[in-house]
C-alpha atoms as a PDB file:
ATOM      1  CA  MET A   1      11.615 -14.907 -46.858  1.00  0.00           C
ATOM      2  CA  THR A   2       9.801 -12.004 -46.310  1.00  0.00           C
ATOM      3  CA  ILE A   3       6.031 -11.782 -47.272  1.00  0.00           C
ATOM      4  CA  THR A   4       4.138  -8.473 -48.407  1.00  0.00           C
ATOM      5  CA  ALA A   5       0.940  -8.584 -46.665  1.00  0.00           C
ATOM      6  CA  THR A   6      -1.814  -6.676 -48.549  1.00  0.00           C
ATOM      7  CA  THR A   7      -4.235  -8.800 -50.268  1.00  0.00           C
ATOM      8  CA  GLU A   8      -3.855  -7.674 -53.817  1.00  0.00           C
ATOM      9  CA  ALA A   9      -0.362  -8.592 -53.937  1.00  0.00           C
ATOM     10  CA  THR A  10      -0.784 -11.981 -52.212  1.00  0.00           C
ATOM     11  CA  THR A  11      -3.626 -12.527 -54.421  1.00  0.00           C
ATOM     12  CA  SER A  12      -1.617 -12.764 -57.473  1.00  0.00           C
ATOM     13  CA  THR A  13       1.259 -14.828 -56.301  1.00  0.00           C
ATOM     14  CA  THR A  14      -1.166 -17.981 -54.829  1.00  0.00           C
ATOM     15  CA  PRO A  15      -3.023 -20.002 -56.781  1.00  0.00           C
ATOM     16  CA  PRO A  16      -6.851 -18.986 -56.409  1.00  0.00           C
ATOM     17  CA  THR A  17      -7.950 -22.248 -55.301  1.00  0.00           C
ATOM     18  CA  THR A  18      -5.094 -23.434 -52.886  1.00  0.00           C
ATOM     19  CA  ALA A  19      -3.510 -22.478 -49.546  1.00  0.00           C
ATOM     20  CA  ALA A  20      -0.749 -24.136 -47.892  1.00  0.00           C
ATOM     21  CA  ALA A  21      -1.690 -25.740 -44.346  1.00  0.00           C
ATOM     22  CA  PRO A  22       0.319 -25.626 -41.732  1.00  0.00           C
ATOM     23  CA  ASP A  23       1.499 -28.927 -41.613  1.00  0.00           C
ATOM     24  CA  GLY A  24       2.767 -28.459 -45.193  1.00  0.00           C
ATOM     25  CA  GLY A  25      -0.148 -29.993 -47.081  1.00  0.00           C
ATOM     26  CA  ALA A  26      -2.679 -28.063 -49.020  1.00  0.00           C
ATOM     27  CA  VAL A  27      -6.308 -27.253 -48.278  1.00  0.00           C
ATOM     28  CA  ALA A  28      -8.130 -26.802 -51.565  1.00  0.00           C
ATOM     29  CA  GLY A  29     -11.146 -24.857 -52.025  1.00  0.00           C
ATOM     30  CA  PRO A  30     -12.633 -21.339 -53.394  1.00  0.00           C
ATOM     31  CA  ALA A  31     -13.074 -20.214 -49.512  1.00  0.00           C
ATOM     32  CA  LEU A  32      -9.237 -19.816 -49.364  1.00  0.00           C
ATOM     33  CA  SER A  33      -8.832 -17.774 -52.693  1.00  0.00           C
ATOM     34  CA  GLY A  34      -6.885 -14.844 -52.200  1.00  0.00           C
ATOM     35  CA  LEU A  35      -5.348 -16.028 -49.187  1.00  0.00           C
ATOM     36  CA  PRO A  36      -1.366 -15.752 -48.845  1.00  0.00           C
ATOM     37  CA  GLU A  37       0.650 -18.887 -48.790  1.00  0.00           C
ATOM     38  CA  VAL A  38       2.346 -18.948 -45.519  1.00  0.00           C
ATOM     39  CA  PRO A  39       4.807 -22.258 -45.670  1.00  0.00           C
ATOM     40  CA  CYS A  40       6.376 -21.532 -42.098  1.00  0.00           C
ATOM     41  CA  PRO A  41       4.184 -19.324 -40.022  1.00  0.00           C
ATOM     42  CA  ARG A  42       6.301 -19.186 -36.930  1.00  0.00           C
ATOM     43  CA  GLU A  43       9.267 -17.947 -38.869  1.00  0.00           C
ATOM     44  CA  LEU A  44       7.749 -14.575 -39.729  1.00  0.00           C
ATOM     45  CA  SER A  45       8.998 -11.394 -38.557  1.00  0.00           C
ATOM     46  CA  THR A  46       6.786  -9.575 -36.025  1.00  0.00           C
ATOM     47  CA  CYS A  47       5.672  -6.735 -38.685  1.00  0.00           C
ATOM     48  CA  ASP A  48       4.784  -9.578 -41.384  1.00  0.00           C
ATOM     49  CA  ALA A  49       2.654 -11.611 -38.429  1.00  0.00           C
ATOM     50  CA  ARG A  50       0.927  -8.328 -37.549  1.00  0.00           C
ATOM     51  CA  GLN A  51      -0.198  -7.435 -41.311  1.00  0.00           C
ATOM     52  CA  LEU A  52      -1.292 -11.018 -42.246  1.00  0.00           C
ATOM     53  CA  THR A  53      -3.297 -11.680 -38.943  1.00  0.00           C
ATOM     54  CA  ARG A  54      -5.368  -9.068 -40.039  1.00  0.00           C
ATOM     55  CA  VAL A  55      -6.022 -10.277 -43.748  1.00  0.00           C
ATOM     56  CA  PHE A  56      -6.519 -13.981 -41.976  1.00  0.00           C
ATOM     57  CA  PHE A  57      -8.978 -12.635 -39.365  1.00  0.00           C
ATOM     58  CA  GLU A  58     -10.909 -10.734 -41.910  1.00  0.00           C
ATOM     59  CA  ARG A  59     -11.035 -14.261 -44.062  1.00  0.00           C
ATOM     60  CA  LEU A  60     -11.947 -16.206 -40.626  1.00  0.00           C
ATOM     61  CA  ARG A  61     -15.119 -14.253 -40.002  1.00  0.00           C
ATOM     62  CA  SER A  62     -16.361 -15.250 -43.291  1.00  0.00           C
ATOM     63  CA  LEU A  63     -15.796 -19.026 -43.075  1.00  0.00           C
ATOM     64  CA  GLU A  64     -18.307 -21.665 -41.053  1.00  0.00           C
ATOM     65  CA  GLU A  65     -16.527 -22.810 -37.717  1.00  0.00           C
ATOM     66  CA  GLY A  66     -15.674 -26.230 -38.158  1.00  0.00           C
ATOM     67  CA  THR A  67     -15.033 -26.538 -41.533  1.00  0.00           C
ATOM     68  CA  ARG A  68     -11.635 -27.754 -43.179  1.00  0.00           C
ATOM     69  CA  GLU A  69     -10.957 -24.245 -44.193  1.00  0.00           C
ATOM     70  CA  TYR A  70     -11.828 -22.475 -40.853  1.00  0.00           C
ATOM     71  CA  GLN A  71      -9.527 -25.377 -39.044  1.00  0.00           C
ATOM     72  CA  TYR A  72      -6.545 -24.007 -41.858  1.00  0.00           C
ATOM     73  CA  VAL A  73      -7.153 -20.232 -41.117  1.00  0.00           C
ATOM     74  CA  ARG A  74      -7.360 -20.530 -37.407  1.00  0.00           C
ATOM     75  CA  GLY A  75      -4.353 -22.652 -36.834  1.00  0.00           C
ATOM     76  CA  THR A  76      -2.602 -20.599 -39.459  1.00  0.00           C
ATOM     77  CA  LEU A  77      -3.276 -17.742 -37.030  1.00  0.00           C
ATOM     78  CA  ILE A  78      -1.973 -19.454 -34.050  1.00  0.00           C
ATOM     79  CA  GLU A  79       1.106 -20.284 -35.682  1.00  0.00           C
ATOM     80  CA  MET A  80       1.901 -16.826 -36.569  1.00  0.00           C
ATOM     81  CA  ASN A  81       1.125 -15.285 -33.259  1.00  0.00           C
ATOM     82  CA  ILE A  82       3.279 -17.844 -31.137  1.00  0.00           C
ATOM     83  CA  SER A  83       5.792 -14.835 -30.668  1.00  0.00           C
ATOM     84  CA  LEU A  84       3.106 -12.964 -28.774  1.00  0.00           C
ATOM     85  CA  VAL A  85       3.035 -16.294 -26.286  1.00  0.00           C
ATOM     86  CA  ASN A  86       6.988 -16.186 -26.190  1.00  0.00           C
ATOM     87  CA  PHE A  87       6.803 -12.445 -25.586  1.00  0.00           C
ATOM     88  CA  ALA A  88       4.309 -12.593 -22.579  1.00  0.00           C
ATOM     89  CA  ALA A  89       5.814 -15.338 -21.078  1.00  0.00           C
ATOM     90  CA  ARG A  90       9.311 -14.181 -20.819  1.00  0.00           C
ATOM     91  CA  PRO A  91       9.041 -12.546 -17.366  1.00  0.00           C
ATOM     92  CA  PHE A  92       7.402 -16.141 -15.862  1.00  0.00           C
ATOM     93  CA  ARG A  93      10.454 -18.293 -17.042  1.00  0.00           C
ATOM     94  CA  ASP A  94      12.569 -19.834 -14.611  1.00  0.00           C
ATOM     95  CA  ARG A  95      10.185 -19.047 -11.303  1.00  0.00           C
ATOM     96  CA  PRO A  96      10.870 -20.547  -8.370  1.00  0.00           C
ATOM     97  CA  GLY A  97       8.796 -23.899  -8.020  1.00  0.00           C
ATOM     98  CA  GLY A  98       7.215 -22.867 -11.436  1.00  0.00           C
ATOM     99  CA  PRO A  99       6.843 -25.036 -14.491  1.00  0.00           C
ATOM    100  CA  GLU A 100       9.230 -25.921 -17.466  1.00  0.00           C
ATOM    101  CA  ASN A 101       9.649 -23.150 -19.569  1.00  0.00           C
ATOM    102  CA  GLU A 102       8.011 -25.641 -22.547  1.00  0.00           C
ATOM    103  CA  ASP A 103       4.971 -25.921 -20.369  1.00  0.00           C
ATOM    104  CA  ILE A 104       4.340 -22.237 -19.671  1.00  0.00           C
ATOM    105  CA  VAL A 105       4.414 -21.656 -23.612  1.00  0.00           C
ATOM    106  CA  GLN A 106       1.824 -24.412 -24.115  1.00  0.00           C
ATOM    107  CA  VAL A 107      -0.562 -22.639 -21.403  1.00  0.00           C
ATOM    108  CA  GLY A 108       0.588 -19.512 -23.045  1.00  0.00           C
ATOM    109  CA  ILE A 109      -0.483 -20.784 -26.655  1.00  0.00           C
ATOM    110  CA  ILE A 110      -4.133 -21.829 -24.692  1.00  0.00           C
ATOM    111  CA  GLY A 111      -4.538 -18.162 -23.783  1.00  0.00           C
ATOM    112  CA  LEU A 112      -3.810 -16.887 -27.272  1.00  0.00           C
ATOM    113  CA  ILE A 113      -6.192 -19.484 -28.782  1.00  0.00           C
ATOM    114  CA  LYS A 114      -9.401 -17.957 -26.771  1.00  0.00           C
ATOM    115  CA  ALA A 115      -8.096 -14.393 -27.645  1.00  0.00           C
ATOM    116  CA  ILE A 116      -8.335 -15.925 -31.335  1.00  0.00           C
ATOM    117  CA  ASP A 117     -11.675 -16.976 -30.827  1.00  0.00           C
ATOM    118  CA  ARG A 118     -12.980 -14.051 -28.980  1.00  0.00           C
ATOM    119  CA  TYR A 119     -11.352 -11.518 -31.324  1.00  0.00           C
ATOM    120  CA  ASP A 120     -13.691  -9.134 -33.422  1.00  0.00           C
ATOM    121  CA  PRO A 121     -11.908  -6.809 -36.128  1.00  0.00           C
ATOM    122  CA  ASP A 122     -14.930  -4.474 -36.251  1.00  0.00           C
ATOM    123  CA  ARG A 123     -13.851  -2.929 -33.013  1.00  0.00           C
ATOM    124  CA  ASN A 124     -10.965  -1.645 -34.548  1.00  0.00           C
ATOM    125  CA  THR A 125      -8.232  -2.345 -32.321  1.00  0.00           C
ATOM    126  CA  GLN A 126      -4.849  -4.316 -32.462  1.00  0.00           C
ATOM    127  CA  PHE A 127      -5.158  -8.138 -31.831  1.00  0.00           C
ATOM    128  CA  THR A 128      -2.104  -7.942 -29.911  1.00  0.00           C
ATOM    129  CA  THR A 129      -4.170  -5.663 -27.393  1.00  0.00           C
ATOM    130  CA  LEU A 130      -6.684  -8.358 -26.616  1.00  0.00           C
ATOM    131  CA  ALA A 131      -4.246 -11.584 -26.973  1.00  0.00           C
ATOM    132  CA  VAL A 132      -1.417 -10.436 -24.444  1.00  0.00           C
ATOM    133  CA  PRO A 133      -3.585  -9.982 -21.383  1.00  0.00           C
ATOM    134  CA  TYR A 134      -5.471 -13.158 -22.454  1.00  0.00           C
ATOM    135  CA  ILE A 135      -1.887 -15.121 -22.654  1.00  0.00           C
ATOM    136  CA  THR A 136      -0.844 -13.445 -19.442  1.00  0.00           C
ATOM    137  CA  GLY A 137      -3.897 -14.187 -17.743  1.00  0.00           C
ATOM    138  CA  GLU A 138      -3.647 -18.295 -18.469  1.00  0.00           C
ATOM    139  CA  ILE A 139      -0.385 -18.321 -17.296  1.00  0.00           C
ATOM    140  CA  LYS A 140      -0.764 -16.539 -13.831  1.00  0.00           C
ATOM    141  CA  ARG A 141      -3.979 -18.607 -13.732  1.00  0.00           C
ATOM    142  CA  HIS A 142      -1.703 -21.490 -14.235  1.00  0.00           C
ATOM    143  CA  PHE A 143       0.666 -20.812 -11.581  1.00  0.00           C
ATOM    144  CA  ARG A 144      -1.943 -20.023  -9.215  1.00  0.00           C
ATOM    145  CA  ASP A 145      -3.885 -23.485  -9.546  1.00  0.00           C
ATOM    146  CA  THR A 146      -0.859 -26.022 -10.182  1.00  0.00           C
ATOM    147  CA  THR A 147       2.496 -24.471  -8.662  1.00  0.00           C
ATOM    148  CA  TRP A 148       1.474 -24.123  -4.872  1.00  0.00           C
ATOM    149  CA  ALA A 149       2.653 -27.159  -3.068  1.00  0.00           C
ATOM    150  CA  VAL A 150      -0.324 -26.361  -0.530  1.00  0.00           C
ATOM    151  CA  ARG A 151      -3.459 -24.982  -1.600  1.00  0.00           C
ATOM    152  CA  VAL A 152      -4.490 -21.866  -0.151  1.00  0.00           C
ATOM    153  CA  PRO A 153      -7.479 -19.253  -1.060  1.00  0.00           C
ATOM    154  CA  ARG A 154      -6.939 -17.348  -3.764  1.00  0.00           C
ATOM    155  CA  ARG A 155      -7.300 -13.945  -1.401  1.00  0.00           C
ATOM    156  CA  LEU A 156      -3.984 -15.582   0.134  1.00  0.00           C
ATOM    157  CA  GLN A 157      -2.322 -16.053  -3.086  1.00  0.00           C
ATOM    158  CA  GLU A 158      -2.814 -12.614  -4.378  1.00  0.00           C
ATOM    159  CA  GLN A 159      -1.778 -11.382  -1.016  1.00  0.00           C
ATOM    160  CA  ARG A 160       1.560 -13.195  -1.182  1.00  0.00           C
ATOM    161  CA  LEU A 161       2.501 -11.196  -4.422  1.00  0.00           C
ATOM    162  CA  LEU A 162       1.465  -8.118  -2.540  1.00  0.00           C
ATOM    163  CA  LEU A 163       3.765  -8.890   0.585  1.00  0.00           C
ATOM    164  CA  ALA A 164       6.680 -10.015  -1.522  1.00  0.00           C
ATOM    165  CA  LYS A 165       6.626  -6.574  -3.807  1.00  0.00           C
ATOM    166  CA  ALA A 166       6.039  -4.461  -0.445  1.00  0.00           C
ATOM    167  CA  THR A 167       8.924  -6.550   1.287  1.00  0.00           C
ATOM    168  CA  GLU A 168      11.307  -5.569  -1.445  1.00  0.00           C
ATOM    169  CA  GLU A 169      10.543  -2.180  -1.454  1.00  0.00           C
ATOM    170  CA  LEU A 170      10.604  -1.400   2.297  1.00  0.00           C
ATOM    171  CA  THR A 171      13.707  -3.723   2.315  1.00  0.00           C
ATOM    172  CA  CYS A 172      15.501  -1.182  -0.164  1.00  0.00           C
ATOM    173  CA  GLU A 173      14.254   1.860   1.908  1.00  0.00           C
ATOM    174  CA  THR A 174      15.144   0.705   5.155  1.00  0.00           C
ATOM    175  CA  ASP A 175      18.277  -1.757   4.444  1.00  0.00           C
ATOM    176  CA  ARG A 176      16.325  -4.202   6.490  1.00  0.00           C
ATOM    177  CA  ALA A 177      13.441  -6.657   6.797  1.00  0.00           C
ATOM    178  CA  PRO A 178      10.034  -4.604   7.341  1.00  0.00           C
ATOM    179  CA  THR A 179       8.255  -5.707  10.187  1.00  0.00           C
ATOM    180  CA  PRO A 180       4.593  -6.829   9.715  1.00  0.00           C
ATOM    181  CA  ALA A 181       3.443  -3.793  11.611  1.00  0.00           C
ATOM    182  CA  GLU A 182       5.380  -1.908   8.644  1.00  0.00           C
ATOM    183  CA  LEU A 183       4.082  -3.941   6.026  1.00  0.00           C
ATOM    184  CA  ALA A 184       0.450  -3.474   7.066  1.00  0.00           C
ATOM    185  CA  ALA A 185       0.982   0.153   7.421  1.00  0.00           C
ATOM    186  CA  HIS A 186       2.330   0.026   3.514  1.00  0.00           C
ATOM    187  CA  LEU A 187      -0.356  -1.851   2.309  1.00  0.00           C
ATOM    188  CA  GLY A 188      -3.429  -0.582   4.310  1.00  0.00           C
ATOM    189  CA  LEU A 189      -4.104  -4.008   6.094  1.00  0.00           C
ATOM    190  CA  THR A 190      -3.965  -5.203   9.900  1.00  0.00           C
ATOM    191  CA  GLU A 191      -1.300  -7.005  11.500  1.00  0.00           C
ATOM    192  CA  ASP A 192      -3.137 -10.090  11.507  1.00  0.00           C
ATOM    193  CA  GLU A 193      -3.888 -10.023   7.677  1.00  0.00           C
ATOM    194  CA  VAL A 194      -0.327  -9.542   7.266  1.00  0.00           C
ATOM    195  CA  ARG A 195       0.702 -12.287   9.590  1.00  0.00           C
ATOM    196  CA  GLU A 196      -2.016 -14.722   8.031  1.00  0.00           C
ATOM    197  CA  GLY A 197      -0.492 -13.749   4.510  1.00  0.00           C
ATOM    198  CA  LEU A 198       2.853 -14.614   5.601  1.00  0.00           C
ATOM    199  CA  VAL A 199       1.878 -18.023   6.956  1.00  0.00           C
ATOM    200  CA  ALA A 200       0.038 -18.886   3.765  1.00  0.00           C
ATOM    201  CA  ALA A 201       3.068 -17.771   1.552  1.00  0.00           C
ATOM    202  CA  ASN A 202       5.094 -20.734   3.304  1.00  0.00           C
ATOM    203  CA  GLY A 203       2.884 -22.939   1.615  1.00  0.00           C
ATOM    204  CA  TYR A 204       3.881 -22.038  -1.868  1.00  0.00           C
ATOM    205  CA  SER A 205       6.836 -24.533  -2.080  1.00  0.00           C
ATOM    206  CA  THR A 206       7.878 -27.460   0.087  1.00  0.00           C
ATOM    207  CA  GLN A 207      10.998 -29.397   1.084  1.00  0.00           C
ATOM    208  CA  SER A 208      11.098 -33.313   1.152  1.00  0.00           C
ATOM    209  CA  LEU A 209      12.109 -34.508   4.477  1.00  0.00           C
ATOM    210  CA  ASP A 210      14.713 -36.647   2.898  1.00  0.00           C
ATOM    211  CA  ALA A 211      16.464 -33.647   1.366  1.00  0.00           C
ATOM    212  CA  PRO A 212      20.122 -32.877   2.605  1.00  0.00           C
ATOM    213  CA  GLN A 213      20.721 -30.092   4.764  1.00  0.00           C
ATOM    214  CA  PRO A 214      23.579 -27.377   3.504  1.00  0.00           C
ATOM    215  CA  SER A 215      27.019 -28.462   5.157  1.00  0.00           C
ATOM    216  CA  GLU A 216      28.848 -25.486   6.853  1.00  0.00           C
ATOM    217  CA  SER A 217      30.707 -24.789   3.568  1.00  0.00           C
ATOM    218  CA  GLY A 218      27.406 -23.774   1.888  1.00  0.00           C
ATOM    219  CA  GLY A 219      26.975 -26.971  -0.388  1.00  0.00           C
ATOM    220  CA  ALA A 220      24.653 -29.762  -0.345  1.00  0.00           C
ATOM    221  CA  GLY A 221      26.977 -32.556  -0.757  1.00  0.00           C
ATOM    222  CA  THR A 222      29.268 -34.922   1.746  1.00  0.00           C
ATOM    223  CA  PRO A 223      30.601 -32.827   4.271  1.00  0.00           C
ATOM    224  CA  ALA A 224      34.526 -32.740   4.903  1.00  0.00           C
ATOM    225  CA  GLY A 225      34.582 -35.423   7.380  1.00  0.00           C
ATOM    226  CA  GLY A 226      33.285 -37.894   4.903  1.00  0.00           C
ATOM    227  CA  GLN A 227      30.218 -38.449   6.755  1.00  0.00           C
ATOM    228  CA  PRO A 228      26.841 -38.443   4.902  1.00  0.00           C
ATOM    229  CA  ALA A 229      24.926 -34.921   4.790  1.00  0.00           C
ATOM    230  CA  ARG A 230      22.239 -35.135   7.568  1.00  0.00           C
ATOM    231  CA  SER A 231      18.404 -34.783   6.300  1.00  0.00           C
ATOM    232  CA  LEU A 232      15.960 -32.504   7.081  1.00  0.00           C
ATOM    233  CA  ALA A 233      14.126 -35.366   8.864  1.00  0.00           C
ATOM    234  CA  ASP A 234      17.633 -36.084  10.770  1.00  0.00           C
ATOM    235  CA  THR A 235      17.244 -32.352  12.254  1.00  0.00           C
ATOM    236  CA  VAL A 236      13.506 -32.624  13.316  1.00  0.00           C
ATOM    237  CA  GLY A 237      12.805 -33.111  17.269  1.00  0.00           C
ATOM    238  CA  GLY A 238      10.612 -35.741  18.457  1.00  0.00           C
ATOM    239  CA  VAL A 239       8.545 -35.617  21.017  1.00  0.00           C
ATOM    240  CA  ASP A 240       9.968 -36.016  24.856  1.00  0.00           C
ATOM    241  CA  PRO A 241       8.263 -39.164  26.669  1.00  0.00           C
ATOM    242  CA  ALA A 242       9.731 -37.323  29.611  1.00  0.00           C
ATOM    243  CA  LEU A 243       7.522 -34.173  29.003  1.00  0.00           C
ATOM    244  CA  GLU A 244       4.872 -35.660  29.786  1.00  0.00           C
ATOM    245  CA  ALA A 245       5.563 -36.502  33.532  1.00  0.00           C
ATOM    246  CA  VAL A 246       6.502 -32.482  34.185  1.00  0.00           C
ATOM    247  CA  GLU A 247       2.713 -31.580  34.836  1.00  0.00           C
ATOM    248  CA  ASP A 248       2.054 -34.666  36.889  1.00  0.00           C
ATOM    249  CA  ARG A 249       5.290 -34.586  39.112  1.00  0.00           C
ATOM    250  CA  HIS A 250       4.808 -30.818  39.453  1.00  0.00           C
ATOM    251  CA  ALA A 251       0.744 -31.626  40.569  1.00  0.00           C
ATOM    252  CA  LEU A 252       2.495 -34.387  42.831  1.00  0.00           C
ATOM    253  CA  ALA A 253       4.637 -32.665  44.467  1.00  0.00           C
ATOM    254  CA  PRO A 254       2.382 -30.763  47.293  1.00  0.00           C
ATOM    255  CA  LEU A 255       0.437 -34.205  47.419  1.00  0.00           C
ATOM    256  CA  LEU A 256       3.823 -36.018  48.850  1.00  0.00           C
ATOM    257  CA  ALA A 257       4.555 -32.935  50.968  1.00  0.00           C
ATOM    258  CA  GLY A 258       1.499 -34.082  52.965  1.00  0.00           C
ATOM    259  CA  LEU A 259       2.358 -37.681  53.402  1.00  0.00           C
ATOM    260  CA  ASP A 260       3.347 -39.126  56.509  1.00  0.00           C
ATOM    261  CA  GLU A 261       6.801 -40.142  57.194  1.00  0.00           C
ATOM    262  CA  ARG A 262       6.358 -44.013  56.799  1.00  0.00           C
ATOM    263  CA  SER A 263       4.768 -43.417  53.488  1.00  0.00           C
ATOM    264  CA  THR A 264       6.649 -41.165  51.972  1.00  0.00           C
ATOM    265  CA  ARG A 265       9.614 -43.836  53.051  1.00  0.00           C
ATOM    266  CA  ILE A 266       8.074 -46.617  51.592  1.00  0.00           C
ATOM    267  CA  LEU A 267       7.414 -44.712  48.043  1.00  0.00           C
ATOM    268  CA  GLN A 268      11.203 -43.328  48.399  1.00  0.00           C
ATOM    269  CA  LEU A 269      12.338 -47.160  48.394  1.00  0.00           C
ATOM    270  CA  ARG A 270       9.691 -48.298  45.773  1.00  0.00           C
ATOM    271  CA  PHE A 271       9.947 -45.631  43.270  1.00  0.00           C
ATOM    272  CA  GLY A 272      13.246 -44.443  44.004  1.00  0.00           C
ATOM    273  CA  GLN A 273      15.590 -47.127  44.861  1.00  0.00           C
ATOM    274  CA  GLU A 274      13.637 -50.010  43.041  1.00  0.00           C
ATOM    275  CA  MET A 275      13.360 -52.098  45.847  1.00  0.00           C
ATOM    276  CA  THR A 276      10.750 -54.981  46.002  1.00  0.00           C
ATOM    277  CA  GLN A 277       7.945 -55.083  48.567  1.00  0.00           C
ATOM    278  CA  ALA A 278      10.300 -57.681  50.503  1.00  0.00           C
ATOM    279  CA  GLU A 279      13.160 -55.797  50.555  1.00  0.00           C
ATOM    280  CA  ILE A 280      11.260 -52.968  51.924  1.00  0.00           C
ATOM    281  CA  GLY A 281       9.588 -54.838  55.001  1.00  0.00           C
ATOM    282  CA  GLU A 282      12.888 -55.946  55.592  1.00  0.00           C
ATOM    283  CA  GLU A 283      14.383 -52.334  55.389  1.00  0.00           C
ATOM    284  CA  ILE A 284      11.468 -50.759  57.741  1.00  0.00           C
ATOM    285  CA  GLY A 285      10.660 -53.480  59.866  1.00  0.00           C
ATOM    286  CA  LEU A 286       7.094 -54.647  58.374  1.00  0.00           C
ATOM    287  CA  SER A 287       5.996 -57.659  56.573  1.00  0.00           C
ATOM    288  CA  GLN A 288       5.621 -57.760  52.926  1.00  0.00           C
ATOM    289  CA  MET A 289       1.715 -57.946  53.296  1.00  0.00           C
ATOM    290  CA  HIS A 290       1.719 -54.946  55.122  1.00  0.00           C
ATOM    291  CA  VAL A 291       3.916 -53.044  52.810  1.00  0.00           C
ATOM    292  CA  SER A 292       1.738 -54.075  49.938  1.00  0.00           C
ATOM    293  CA  ARG A 293      -1.482 -52.844  51.702  1.00  0.00           C
ATOM    294  CA  LEU A 294       0.415 -49.555  52.577  1.00  0.00           C
ATOM    295  CA  LEU A 295       1.655 -48.966  49.260  1.00  0.00           C
ATOM    296  CA  ALA A 296      -1.826 -49.765  47.380  1.00  0.00           C
ATOM    297  CA  ARG A 297      -3.637 -47.460  49.970  1.00  0.00           C
ATOM    298  CA  THR A 298      -1.046 -44.668  49.621  1.00  0.00           C
ATOM    299  CA  LEU A 299      -1.497 -44.567  45.922  1.00  0.00           C
ATOM    300  CA  GLU A 300      -4.847 -44.555  45.547  1.00  0.00           C
ATOM    301  CA  THR A 301      -5.100 -41.507  48.045  1.00  0.00           C
ATOM    302  CA  LEU A 302      -2.670 -39.771  45.773  1.00  0.00           C
ATOM    303  CA  ARG A 303      -4.591 -41.043  42.440  1.00  0.00           C
ATOM    304  CA  GLU A 304      -8.099 -39.635  43.808  1.00  0.00           C
ATOM    305  CA  GLU A 305      -6.634 -36.222  45.097  1.00  0.00           C
ATOM    306  CA  MET A 306      -4.936 -35.541  41.874  1.00  0.00           C
ATOM    307  CA  LEU A 307      -7.992 -36.538  39.753  1.00  0.00           C
ATOM    308  CA  HIS A 308     -10.078 -34.454  42.141  1.00  0.00           C
ATOM    309  CA  ASP A 309      -7.901 -31.402  41.625  1.00  0.00           C
END
């Protein structure tokens, strides 16, 4: 149904004291006399919505905020301009790591409500001129505040967008991924700032350690051999305890070289061949007590020299 949006025409087709509410009911009162009846505000064409928006804004400014009539007119304006939200939200749909499309529309409606509350018809500007930036800004703010897996400063969030755009442009020009130096020259930044932005961009989305890794065929399902796919946690290396001893052995080597032959032989038998003190005594012709004293003295000397170094 097409609605003629001139005040004179709609006045003659609507009861002077009754207007339809967005929920299908009726709002009565002389303050709404002359307003058109809009049974399905969301189904209006763009042209009709634009013309009726002007009419409803003129009436909204004459109503007292908080009254039932004011709420009806304001609510109808919101319903009539939902198409603006759908239009502004279109570029943000299906972004990786972003919210569902319904959530984007809900966030956009918040921006629409703010635009309605701040619009002044006396400025002689179209409502869409104010509404679209408000809606887009609210959606961008939602992405900035809620979609990052790791919260980073706003400066780095905005820098991520600049780096992504610059990377795409330079890749098209050079047919390869740009270097940090090339990105810095293109954006007028330092290489340190570019690297900081690239590192911060990794915080936009994360992956669960339990997520299965892609198989050789490119899928994330069960490999061809029938074995379950490995998770990311299975591919992450752990700390090798033996690495902690590398530096100690490197520092100990020149100290061992300075020991006498008997002390070196005792250490070799004790820690290399894992012989007991009694077995070492039999091997080199000393008592077990003597071997114990020599071993303790040698270890104490090595310990003191390593700590001193």
